[in-house]
Structures are given as C-alpha cells and as structure tokens.
Amino acid sequence: MKKEGREVSFEALQRQKRRARARDARRLAAGEVTPEQLQAENSFVPEGTEIRMVNLAQALKRHYSW
C-alpha cells in the first residue's frame, strides 16, 4: 500500500521558517528562554548524543563517488 505524501512548495517552507525564527526572537527578547535553551529546542541532534562513524573512509567514498 503506497503512502501518499503531502507536497509543500519551497516558498511555503521559507515562510514557515521565517515565522519560526520570528517566534524564537520574540521568546528570546521576552526572556522566556535562554539562547542555550532555544539552541537545544531547535537542534536536530539532542545535546549529549554521541555520534560515531565506524568507517569514515567508506562513508566518504560513498558520499563522493558519483
């Protein structure tokens, strides 16, 4: 069974990012969060996460091989 995805335009994504940045700026200005808290909220990788690349050479080869 194929799962249908939702299409989103580049412009819509940019508007969403601008709104999020403006909201973050208001929260910082109001003292609701510290810069560190905001960074943690917006981080793709949670703080303290250990990232380990087992075979860097293989990963680079896969990335740079066309």
Protein backbone atom coordinates (compact mmCIF):
# COMPACT_ATOMS: atom_id res chain seq x y z
CA MET A 1 0.00 0.00 0.00
CA LYS A 2 1.54 3.28 -1.14
CA LYS A 3 1.54 6.09 1.38
CA GLU A 4 0.54 9.43 -0.10
CA GLY A 5 2.78 12.35 0.78
CA ARG A 6 1.91 16.00 1.03
CA GLU A 7 3.60 18.35 -1.40
CA VAL A 8 4.95 21.59 0.01
CA SER A 9 6.42 24.41 -2.02
CA PHE A 10 9.82 25.93 -1.34
CA GLU A 11 8.12 29.28 -0.70
CA ALA A 12 5.81 27.73 1.90
CA LEU A 13 8.78 26.19 3.69
CA GLN A 14 10.57 29.55 3.67
CA ARG A 15 7.52 31.30 5.15
CA GLN A 16 7.30 28.65 7.85
CA LYS A 17 10.99 29.09 8.71
CA ARG A 18 10.63 32.89 8.87
CA ARG A 19 7.66 32.57 11.24
CA ALA A 20 9.61 30.15 13.44
CA ARG A 21 12.62 32.49 13.56
CA ALA A 22 10.39 35.45 14.45
CA ARG A 23 8.72 33.41 17.20
CA ASP A 24 12.14 32.39 18.55
CA ALA A 25 13.32 36.03 18.50
CA ARG A 26 10.21 37.15 20.45
CA ARG A 27 10.72 34.42 23.03
CA LEU A 28 14.38 35.41 23.47
CA ALA A 29 13.53 39.11 23.76
CA ALA A 30 10.82 38.37 26.33
CA GLY A 31 13.22 36.26 28.38
CA GLU A 32 11.05 33.18 28.02
CA VAL A 33 14.07 31.09 27.00
CA THR A 34 17.82 31.44 27.10
CA PRO A 35 19.89 31.16 23.92
CA GLU A 36 21.08 27.78 25.15
CA GLN A 37 17.53 26.51 25.69
CA LEU A 38 16.49 27.70 22.25
CA GLN A 39 19.51 26.02 20.67
CA ALA A 40 18.60 22.75 22.38
CA GLU A 41 14.98 23.03 21.22
CA ASN A 42 16.00 23.69 17.62
CA SER A 43 18.82 21.17 17.46
CA PHE A 44 18.47 18.23 15.11
CA VAL A 45 20.74 16.13 17.33
CA PRO A 46 20.00 16.25 21.07
CA GLU A 47 22.78 17.51 23.31
CA GLY A 48 24.96 14.74 24.67
CA THR A 49 24.29 12.42 21.74
CA GLU A 50 27.39 10.50 20.78
CA ILE A 51 27.88 10.28 17.04
CA ARG A 52 30.30 7.65 15.87
CA MET A 53 31.25 6.87 12.32
CA VAL A 54 32.52 3.32 12.24
CA ASN A 55 34.17 3.50 8.83
CA LEU A 56 34.91 7.09 7.80
CA ALA A 57 36.76 6.07 4.63
CA GLN A 58 33.79 4.04 3.41
CA ALA A 59 31.34 6.83 4.24
CA LEU A 60 33.43 9.41 2.38
CA LYS A 61 33.83 7.11 -0.60
CA ARG A 62 30.07 6.55 -0.74
CA HIS A 63 29.42 10.30 -0.44
CA TYR A 64 31.97 11.43 -3.01
CA SER A 65 31.64 8.61 -5.53
CA TRP A 66 29.50 9.52 -8.49
